[in-house]
C-alpha atoms as a PDB file:
ATOM      1  CA  MET A   1     144.040 195.048 118.442  1.00  0.00           C
ATOM      2  CA  ASN A   2     141.816 192.735 120.323  1.00  0.00           C
ATOM      3  CA  HIS A   3     143.168 189.155 120.633  1.00  0.00           C
ATOM      4  CA  ILE A   4     140.254 186.427 121.353  1.00  0.00           C
ATOM      5  CA  TRP A   5     141.579 183.341 122.533  1.00  0.00           C
ATOM      6  CA  THR A   6     139.034 180.351 122.569  1.00  0.00           C
ATOM      7  CA  ASP A   7     139.588 177.100 124.185  1.00  0.00           C
ATOM      8  CA  HIS A   8     138.466 174.185 121.737  1.00  0.00           C
ATOM      9  CA  THR A   9     139.527 171.323 124.133  1.00  0.00           C
ATOM     10  CA  ARG A  10     136.783 169.133 125.404  1.00  0.00           C
ATOM     11  CA  LYS A  11     135.719 169.619 128.904  1.00  0.00           C
ATOM     12  CA  PRO A  12     134.329 166.785 131.034  1.00  0.00           C
ATOM     13  CA  GLY A  13     130.836 167.188 131.011  1.00  0.00           C
ATOM     14  CA  ASN A  14     127.753 165.160 131.605  1.00  0.00           C
ATOM     15  CA  ARG A  15     127.805 163.149 128.706  1.00  0.00           C
ATOM     16  CA  ASN A  16     127.049 159.525 128.840  1.00  0.00           C
ATOM     17  CA  GLN A  17     130.453 157.865 127.699  1.00  0.00           C
ATOM     18  CA  ARG A  18     128.940 154.459 127.826  1.00  0.00           C
ATOM     19  CA  SER A  19     129.244 152.261 124.978  1.00  0.00           C
ATOM     20  CA  THR A  20     125.930 150.351 125.606  1.00  0.00           C
ATOM     21  CA  GLU A  21     122.447 151.856 126.882  1.00  0.00           C
ATOM     22  CA  ARG A  22     121.639 150.904 130.316  1.00  0.00           C
ATOM     23  CA  HIS A  23     117.856 149.678 131.062  1.00  0.00           C
ATOM     24  CA  PRO A  24     116.282 150.035 134.553  1.00  0.00           C
ATOM     25  CA  VAL A  25     115.241 146.517 135.859  1.00  0.00           C
ATOM     26  CA  ALA A  26     114.452 145.193 139.168  1.00  0.00           C
ATOM     27  CA  LEU A  27     115.223 141.497 138.808  1.00  0.00           C
ATOM     28  CA  PRO A  28     116.254 139.204 141.915  1.00  0.00           C
ATOM     29  CA  GLY A  29     119.488 137.297 141.670  1.00  0.00           C
ATOM     30  CA  ARG A  30     122.394 135.660 143.380  1.00  0.00           C
ATOM     31  CA  LEU A  31     125.941 136.203 143.768  1.00  0.00           C
ATOM     32  CA  THR A  32     128.666 133.699 144.130  1.00  0.00           C
ATOM     33  CA  TRP A  33     132.230 133.915 144.750  1.00  0.00           C
ATOM     34  CA  LYS A  34     134.999 132.544 146.842  1.00  0.00           C
ATOM     35  CA  ASP A  35     136.481 134.728 149.895  1.00  0.00           C
ATOM     36  CA  GLN A  36     140.209 134.996 150.911  1.00  0.00           C
ATOM     37  CA  ARG A  37     140.229 131.746 152.623  1.00  0.00           C
ATOM     38  CA  GLY A  38     138.646 129.809 149.671  1.00  0.00           C
ATOM     39  CA  ALA A  39     135.192 129.562 151.187  1.00  0.00           C
ATOM     40  CA  THR A  40     132.274 129.589 148.960  1.00  0.00           C
ATOM     41  CA  ARG A  41     129.893 132.515 149.723  1.00  0.00           C
ATOM     42  CA  PHE A  42     126.406 133.865 148.340  1.00  0.00           C
ATOM     43  CA  ALA A  43     124.428 137.146 148.401  1.00  0.00           C
ATOM     44  CA  THR A  44     121.138 137.750 147.394  1.00  0.00           C
ATOM     45  CA  VAL A  45     120.808 140.631 145.411  1.00  0.00           C
ATOM     46  CA  VAL A  46     118.608 142.895 142.875  1.00  0.00           C
ATOM     47  CA  ALA A  47     119.532 143.966 139.646  1.00  0.00           C
ATOM     48  CA  ARG A  48     118.760 147.638 139.165  1.00  0.00           C
ATOM     49  CA  ASN A  49     120.147 148.228 135.666  1.00  0.00           C
ATOM     50  CA  VAL A  50     121.673 145.941 132.904  1.00  0.00           C
ATOM     51  CA  SER A  51     123.559 146.645 129.902  1.00  0.00           C
ATOM     52  CA  ASP A  52     125.300 144.484 127.395  1.00  0.00           C
ATOM     53  CA  PHE A  53     128.592 144.420 129.355  1.00  0.00           C
ATOM     54  CA  GLY A  54     127.597 145.113 132.883  1.00  0.00           C
ATOM     55  CA  VAL A  55     125.214 144.729 135.729  1.00  0.00           C
ATOM     56  CA  TYR A  56     124.378 147.154 138.868  1.00  0.00           C
ATOM     57  CA  VAL A  57     122.934 145.043 142.016  1.00  0.00           C
ATOM     58  CA  GLU A  58     122.191 146.197 145.218  1.00  0.00           C
ATOM     59  CA  CYS A  59     122.675 143.678 148.129  1.00  0.00           C
ATOM     60  CA  HIS A  60     119.972 142.832 150.696  1.00  0.00           C
ATOM     61  CA  SER A  61     122.720 142.815 153.420  1.00  0.00           C
ATOM     62  CA  PRO A  62     126.113 144.140 153.285  1.00  0.00           C
ATOM     63  CA  VAL A  63     128.913 142.072 151.942  1.00  0.00           C
ATOM     64  CA  THR A  64     132.573 142.288 151.740  1.00  0.00           C
ATOM     65  CA  ILE A  65     133.703 141.681 148.365  1.00  0.00           C
ATOM     66  CA  PRO A  66     136.861 143.494 147.241  1.00  0.00           C
ATOM     67  CA  LEU A  67     137.305 145.373 144.096  1.00  0.00           C
ATOM     68  CA  TYR A  68     138.161 143.356 140.824  1.00  0.00           C
ATOM     69  CA  ARG A  69     136.997 139.988 142.652  1.00  0.00           C
ATOM     70  CA  LEU A  70     135.812 137.479 140.226  1.00  0.00           C
ATOM     71  CA  VAL A  71     132.064 136.517 141.109  1.00  0.00           C
ATOM     72  CA  GLN A  72     129.306 134.094 139.515  1.00  0.00           C
ATOM     73  CA  PHE A  73     126.139 136.259 138.848  1.00  0.00           C
ATOM     74  CA  GLN A  74     122.834 134.687 138.387  1.00  0.00           C
ATOM     75  CA  LEU A  75     119.182 135.624 137.722  1.00  0.00           C
ATOM     76  CA  GLU A  76     116.513 134.025 139.556  1.00  0.00           C
ATOM     77  CA  ARG A  77     114.774 131.428 137.217  1.00  0.00           C
ATOM     78  CA  GLU A  78     111.636 133.460 137.498  1.00  0.00           C
ATOM     79  CA  ALA A  79     113.396 136.589 136.609  1.00  0.00           C
ATOM     80  CA  SER A  80     115.143 135.021 133.765  1.00  0.00           C
ATOM     81  CA  HIS A  81     111.973 134.821 131.661  1.00  0.00           C
ATOM     82  CA  ASP A  82     111.869 138.674 131.406  1.00  0.00           C
ATOM     83  CA  THR A  83     114.078 138.864 128.407  1.00  0.00           C
ATOM     84  CA  GLY A  84     112.716 142.033 127.069  1.00  0.00           C
ATOM     85  CA  VAL A  85     115.517 144.003 128.133  1.00  0.00           C
ATOM     86  CA  LEU A  86     118.382 141.649 129.080  1.00  0.00           C
ATOM     87  CA  PRO A  87     121.511 141.535 126.902  1.00  0.00           C
ATOM     88  CA  GLY A  88     122.157 138.148 125.285  1.00  0.00           C
ATOM     89  CA  SER A  89     124.723 136.865 128.344  1.00  0.00           C
ATOM     90  CA  LEU A  90     121.877 137.075 130.833  1.00  0.00           C
ATOM     91  CA  GLN A  91     119.009 135.784 128.569  1.00  0.00           C
ATOM     92  CA  HIS A  92     119.834 132.330 129.299  1.00  0.00           C
ATOM     93  CA  ALA A  93     119.520 130.502 132.653  1.00  0.00           C
ATOM     94  CA  GLY A  94     122.897 130.085 134.347  1.00  0.00           C
ATOM     95  CA  ARG A  95     125.722 132.044 135.838  1.00  0.00           C
ATOM     96  CA  VAL A  96     127.746 134.719 134.178  1.00  0.00           C
ATOM     97  CA  LEU A  97     131.222 135.037 134.943  1.00  0.00           C
ATOM     98  CA  SER A  98     131.772 138.968 136.266  1.00  0.00           C
ATOM     99  CA  ALA A  99     134.112 141.062 138.033  1.00  0.00           C
ATOM    100  CA  VAL A 100     133.514 143.828 140.765  1.00  0.00           C
ATOM    101  CA  TYR A 101     134.626 147.118 139.779  1.00  0.00           C
ATOM    102  CA  ARG A 102     132.986 149.396 141.807  1.00  0.00           C
ATOM    103  CA  VAL A 103     131.606 149.263 145.582  1.00  0.00           C
ATOM    104  CA  SER A 104     129.260 151.630 146.832  1.00  0.00           C
ATOM    105  CA  PRO A 105     128.869 151.550 150.707  1.00  0.00           C
ATOM    106  CA  PRO A 106     125.333 151.110 152.168  1.00  0.00           C
ATOM    107  CA  SER A 107     123.883 154.264 153.736  1.00  0.00           C
ATOM    108  CA  SER A 108     121.144 154.883 155.665  1.00  0.00           C
ATOM    109  CA  SER A 109     118.602 155.402 152.728  1.00  0.00           C
ATOM    110  CA  LYS A 110     120.510 153.240 150.255  1.00  0.00           C
ATOM    111  CA  PRO A 111     121.509 149.403 150.393  1.00  0.00           C
ATOM    112  CA  GLN A 112     125.156 148.395 149.319  1.00  0.00           C
ATOM    113  CA  GLY A 113     125.825 148.322 145.494  1.00  0.00           C
ATOM    114  CA  LEU A 114     128.061 146.755 143.263  1.00  0.00           C
ATOM    115  CA  ALA A 115     128.690 147.195 139.448  1.00  0.00           C
ATOM    116  CA  LEU A 116     129.675 144.400 137.745  1.00  0.00           C
ATOM    117  CA  ARG A 117     131.536 143.965 134.516  1.00  0.00           C
ATOM    118  CA  LEU A 118     130.118 140.743 132.563  1.00  0.00           C
ATOM    119  CA  MET A 119     133.059 138.541 131.253  1.00  0.00           C
ATOM    120  CA  ILE A 120     131.786 137.917 128.148  1.00  0.00           C
ATOM    121  CA  ASP A 121     133.275 135.947 124.890  1.00  0.00           C
ATOM    122  CA  PRO A 122     135.388 138.401 122.939  1.00  0.00           C
ATOM    123  CA  ARG A 123     133.585 137.406 119.669  1.00  0.00           C
ATOM    124  CA  ARG A 124     130.190 138.322 121.121  1.00  0.00           C
ATOM    125  CA  MET A 125     131.644 141.454 122.564  1.00  0.00           C
ATOM    126  CA  ALA A 126     132.607 142.328 118.889  1.00  0.00           C
ATOM    127  CA  ALA A 127     129.368 141.208 117.767  1.00  0.00           C
ATOM    128  CA  ALA A 128     127.667 143.714 120.121  1.00  0.00           C
ATOM    129  CA  VAL A 129     130.016 146.630 119.123  1.00  0.00           C
ATOM    130  CA  GLU A 130     129.334 145.945 115.342  1.00  0.00           C
ATOM    131  CA  THR A 131     125.540 145.895 116.058  1.00  0.00           C
ATOM    132  CA  LEU A 132     125.755 149.121 118.056  1.00  0.00           C
ATOM    133  CA  ALA A 133     127.853 150.906 115.259  1.00  0.00           C
ATOM    134  CA  ALA A 134     125.159 149.640 112.728  1.00  0.00           C
ATOM    135  CA  ARG A 135     122.517 151.232 114.716  1.00  0.00           C
ATOM    136  CA  ALA A 136     124.284 154.755 115.005  1.00  0.00           C
ATOM    137  CA  THR A 137     124.398 154.643 111.347  1.00  0.00           C
ATOM    138  CA  ALA A 138     121.066 153.879 110.447  1.00  0.00           C
END
């Protein structure tokens, strides 16, 4: 008698588990935050990809921003006119409150990168999720 055992548990793979699609961009922007002493700091960045809930930016010069620090992210005025792939929270000129949730150190071939979670109004987040669900069933 042969017994065959199969494992039906899901294995981690290269599946994209993101709730919204990312769009590659190259838009100039600026980060503003307060350091541990309360002094206001600024950094010039380039947004490399955006989604409804997050932005990945690269810094021209290395910065010291700890994880989970709240920062203000703002696209430069000339960049904010390119609203084709920007989420609603970034389409309007102005600062967007964000939290740093990943920091990639600089290397000889890549600048420092920061992943930012956009702090958007929960009602807008619910509307975005409903829109995604409607697209998935269409």
